[in-house]
Protein backbone atom coordinates (compact mmCIF):
# COMPACT_ATOMS: atom_id res chain seq x y z
CA MET A 1 -24.82 8.70 5.62
CA LEU A 2 -21.37 8.65 4.00
CA ASP A 3 -20.56 11.80 2.03
CA PHE A 4 -17.78 10.30 -0.08
CA GLN A 5 -16.87 13.50 -1.89
CA ARG A 6 -16.30 15.42 1.34
CA ILE A 7 -14.32 12.53 2.79
CA LYS A 8 -12.21 12.38 -0.37
CA GLU A 9 -11.59 16.12 -0.27
CA ASN A 10 -10.44 15.91 3.34
CA ALA A 11 -8.15 12.99 2.53
CA GLY A 12 -6.60 14.83 -0.40
CA LYS A 13 -5.30 17.57 1.90
CA TYR A 14 -2.77 15.13 3.35
CA PHE A 15 -1.12 14.54 -0.02
CA ARG A 16 -0.10 18.06 -1.02
CA ASP A 17 3.58 17.30 -0.37
CA ALA A 18 3.42 13.53 -0.80
CA LYS A 19 6.33 11.66 -2.31
CA GLY A 20 5.78 9.82 -5.56
CA SER A 21 5.82 6.30 -4.16
CA HIS A 22 2.82 6.99 -1.92
CA ASP A 23 1.14 9.94 -3.60
CA TRP A 24 -2.50 10.66 -4.43
CA GLU A 25 -2.17 8.68 -7.67
CA HIS A 26 -1.39 5.60 -5.58
CA THR A 27 -4.53 6.29 -3.55
CA GLU A 28 -6.62 6.58 -6.72
CA ARG A 29 -5.26 3.29 -8.05
CA VAL A 30 -6.03 1.58 -4.74
CA LEU A 31 -9.52 3.09 -4.84
CA SER A 32 -10.13 1.68 -8.33
CA LEU A 33 -8.86 -1.76 -7.35
CA ALA A 34 -10.86 -1.71 -4.12
CA VAL A 35 -14.09 -0.87 -5.94
CA HIS A 36 -13.50 -3.72 -8.38
CA LEU A 37 -12.73 -6.22 -5.61
CA SER A 38 -15.75 -5.04 -3.61
CA GLN A 39 -18.08 -5.61 -6.54
CA VAL A 40 -16.72 -9.08 -7.23
CA GLU A 41 -16.46 -10.20 -3.61
CA GLY A 42 -19.68 -8.60 -2.35
CA ALA A 43 -18.18 -6.13 0.11
CA ASN A 44 -19.79 -2.82 1.11
CA VAL A 45 -18.53 -0.55 -1.66
CA ASP A 46 -19.34 2.70 0.15
CA LEU A 47 -17.30 1.76 3.22
CA VAL A 48 -14.42 0.48 1.12
CA LYS A 49 -14.28 3.65 -0.97
CA CYS A 50 -14.00 5.80 2.13
CA ALA A 51 -11.33 3.57 3.65
CA ALA A 52 -9.38 3.56 0.37
CA VAL A 53 -9.07 7.34 0.09
CA LEU A 54 -8.09 7.61 3.76
CA HIS A 55 -5.75 4.64 4.06
CA ASP A 56 -2.46 6.50 3.54
CA ILE A 57 -3.19 9.88 5.11
CA ALA A 58 -0.47 9.33 7.74
CA ARG A 59 2.15 8.12 5.29
CA GLY A 60 3.87 11.50 5.33
CA GLU A 61 4.33 11.26 9.10
CA GLU A 62 5.89 7.81 8.76
CA ASP A 63 8.32 9.03 6.11
CA GLN A 64 9.32 12.04 8.21
CA CYS A 65 10.37 9.83 11.13
CA GLY A 66 12.18 7.25 9.01
CA GLY A 67 9.59 4.54 9.41
CA LYS A 68 9.40 4.61 13.21
CA LEU A 69 5.68 5.42 13.15
CA ASP A 70 3.06 2.96 11.82
CA HIS A 71 1.11 4.97 9.27
CA ALA A 72 -1.77 2.48 9.31
CA VAL A 73 -2.45 2.87 13.02
CA ARG A 74 -1.89 6.62 12.92
CA GLY A 75 -4.01 6.89 9.78
CA ALA A 76 -6.91 5.17 11.53
CA GLU A 77 -6.70 7.74 14.32
CA LEU A 78 -6.73 10.65 11.88
CA ALA A 79 -9.58 9.06 9.92
CA ARG A 80 -11.68 8.81 13.07
CA GLU A 81 -11.19 12.55 13.62
CA ILE A 82 -12.13 13.40 10.03
CA LEU A 83 -15.16 11.14 9.95
CA SER A 84 -16.41 12.40 13.30
CA THR A 85 -16.42 15.99 12.06
CA LEU A 86 -18.49 14.85 9.06
CA GLN A 87 -21.12 13.24 11.28
CA VAL A 88 -20.43 9.72 10.05
CA PRO A 89 -22.25 7.15 12.23
CA PRO A 90 -19.97 5.65 14.92
CA GLU A 91 -20.44 2.10 13.65
CA ASP A 92 -19.28 3.15 10.17
CA ILE A 93 -16.32 5.00 11.65
CA ASP A 94 -15.28 1.82 13.47
CA ARG A 95 -15.56 -0.27 10.32
CA ILE A 96 -13.61 2.20 8.19
CA ALA A 97 -10.93 2.65 10.87
CA HIS A 98 -10.49 -1.11 11.10
CA CYS A 99 -9.86 -1.26 7.35
CA ILE A 100 -7.21 1.43 7.60
CA GLU A 101 -5.35 0.14 10.65
CA THR A 102 -5.08 -3.38 9.20
CA HIS A 103 -4.09 -2.54 5.61
CA ARG A 104 -0.34 -2.55 6.19
CA PHE A 105 1.80 -5.53 5.16
CA ARG A 106 4.26 -5.01 8.00
CA ASN A 107 2.20 -4.97 11.17
CA HIS A 108 0.60 -7.47 13.50
CA LEU A 109 -3.01 -6.44 12.91
CA GLU A 110 -5.06 -8.79 10.72
CA PRO A 111 -8.03 -7.68 8.58
CA GLN A 112 -11.19 -9.25 10.00
CA SER A 113 -14.03 -7.84 7.91
CA LEU A 114 -14.52 -8.44 4.20
CA GLU A 115 -14.10 -4.70 3.62
CA ALA A 116 -10.74 -4.72 5.43
CA LYS A 117 -9.59 -7.70 3.39
CA VAL A 118 -10.58 -5.93 0.18
CA LEU A 119 -8.59 -2.80 1.10
CA PHE A 120 -5.60 -4.90 2.14
CA ASP A 121 -5.64 -6.70 -1.20
CA ALA A 122 -6.13 -3.54 -3.25
CA ASP A 123 -3.18 -1.86 -1.55
CA LYS A 124 -0.98 -4.94 -2.00
CA LEU A 125 -1.90 -5.33 -5.66
CA ASP A 126 -0.59 -1.81 -6.28
CA SER A 127 2.73 -2.84 -4.73
CA ILE A 128 3.47 -5.58 -7.27
CA GLY A 129 3.51 -5.93 -11.05
CA ALA A 130 4.72 -3.12 -13.32
CA VAL A 131 3.35 -0.38 -11.07
CA GLY A 132 4.86 -2.03 -8.01
CA ILE A 133 8.28 -2.14 -9.65
CA GLY A 134 8.02 1.54 -10.56
CA ARG A 135 6.98 2.47 -7.03
CA ALA A 136 9.84 0.45 -5.53
CA PHE A 137 12.38 2.38 -7.59
CA LEU A 138 10.66 5.66 -6.77
CA PHE A 139 10.90 4.93 -3.04
CA ALA A 140 14.53 3.91 -3.37
CA GLY A 141 15.28 7.26 -5.00
CA GLU A 142 13.38 9.10 -2.28
CA VAL A 143 15.59 7.63 0.45
CA GLY A 144 18.82 7.96 -1.53
CA ALA A 145 19.34 4.27 -2.21
CA LYS A 146 21.49 2.70 -4.90
CA LEU A 147 20.08 1.47 -8.20
CA HIS A 148 20.80 -2.15 -7.26
CA ASN A 149 22.51 -4.15 -4.51
CA PRO A 150 22.64 -7.80 -5.63
CA GLY A 151 25.76 -8.46 -3.54
CA ALA A 152 24.32 -7.16 -0.28
CA ASP A 153 23.27 -9.45 2.55
CA ILE A 154 19.63 -8.45 2.23
CA MET A 155 18.59 -9.67 5.66
CA HIS A 156 21.18 -7.43 7.29
CA THR A 157 20.40 -4.25 5.37
CA GLN A 158 18.32 -1.46 6.86
CA PRO A 159 15.32 0.48 5.51
CA TYR A 160 15.68 4.17 4.67
CA THR A 161 19.41 3.72 3.85
CA GLU A 162 21.43 3.51 0.63
CA GLU A 163 20.84 -0.25 0.72
CA ASP A 164 17.04 0.16 0.68
CA THR A 165 16.90 -0.52 -3.05
CA ALA A 166 14.02 -1.75 -5.17
CA TYR A 167 15.65 -5.18 -5.20
CA ARG A 168 15.80 -5.19 -1.40
CA GLU A 169 12.08 -4.34 -1.29
CA TYR A 170 11.42 -7.17 -3.71
CA MET A 171 13.38 -9.66 -1.62
CA VAL A 172 12.03 -8.53 1.75
CA LYS A 173 8.40 -7.92 0.80
CA LEU A 174 7.17 -7.88 -2.78
CA ARG A 175 7.89 -11.49 -3.72
CA LYS A 176 5.86 -12.56 -0.66
CA VAL A 177 2.81 -10.41 -1.36
CA LYS A 178 1.03 -12.95 -3.56
CA GLU A 179 0.84 -15.43 -0.68
CA ARG A 180 -0.75 -12.86 1.62
CA ILE A 181 -3.67 -11.91 -0.65
CA LEU A 182 -6.98 -12.63 1.08
CA THR A 183 -9.72 -12.63 -1.58
CA ALA A 184 -10.25 -14.94 -4.54
CA GLU A 185 -10.34 -12.11 -7.08
CA GLY A 186 -7.30 -10.54 -5.49
CA ARG A 187 -5.37 -13.80 -5.85
CA ARG A 188 -6.37 -14.02 -9.50
CA LEU A 189 -5.08 -10.53 -10.22
CA ALA A 190 -1.96 -11.02 -8.10
CA GLN A 191 -0.67 -14.07 -9.97
CA GLU A 192 -0.01 -12.31 -13.27
CA ARG A 193 1.49 -9.27 -11.56
CA HIS A 194 3.72 -11.51 -9.48
CA ASP A 195 4.99 -13.44 -12.49
CA PHE A 196 5.83 -10.23 -14.36
CA MET A 197 7.71 -8.86 -11.34
CA VAL A 198 9.73 -12.05 -10.83
CA ALA A 199 10.77 -12.04 -14.48
CA PHE A 200 11.79 -8.37 -14.26
CA PHE A 201 14.09 -8.78 -11.25
CA GLU A 202 15.62 -11.95 -12.68
CA ARG A 203 16.45 -9.99 -15.83
CA LEU A 204 17.74 -7.04 -13.81
CA ASN A 205 20.18 -9.34 -12.03
CA ARG A 206 21.36 -10.81 -15.32
CA GLU A 207 21.92 -7.40 -16.90
CA VAL A 208 23.78 -6.03 -13.86
CA GLU A 209 25.98 -9.13 -13.79
CA GLY A 210 26.64 -8.84 -17.53
CA VAL A 211 24.97 -12.15 -18.36
CA TRP A 212 23.47 -12.08 -21.85
């Protein structure tokens, strides 16, 4: 049996010093999106809820090492430890861990189960649209990046540097998210968020360049 409240309480302990771009509020938004997608797509809501609250528990470790650690893989390891102590059945632990280790945009692991696809989409949806723009600027501030870098050669800039701006994140990742969404409902929600985001960064470029 899955004791969601105890799992959620254990997950929350990893966010006491979390940075704003990947804080507990992000987790709660992903949880809400994941529940919605699960209900529409027919995924196991109980498994998805547990995976959602645990999906970023290793994000702090990744930030501390400047992105050298994959928080999805590490998070799955930590989740297995947590779930084992709560007497979660091994088969459920495996299914939840798979969701967590495959939720990241930038790794080679592909979501195989419907539950993993739902978590992947929920997490990606929170990275685009108005919230996604806000999070991108938050992260840029956290690593000491500039406000904007339209003149930079984006493909030759590095993460966790002053060139790791919100615009860089948009060019490297966010504008590509829509094409990676895996569920029908996720694609429906992604389209409007994507369009809003594209319009925002086009306007940002115009304003920075002084084009009225």
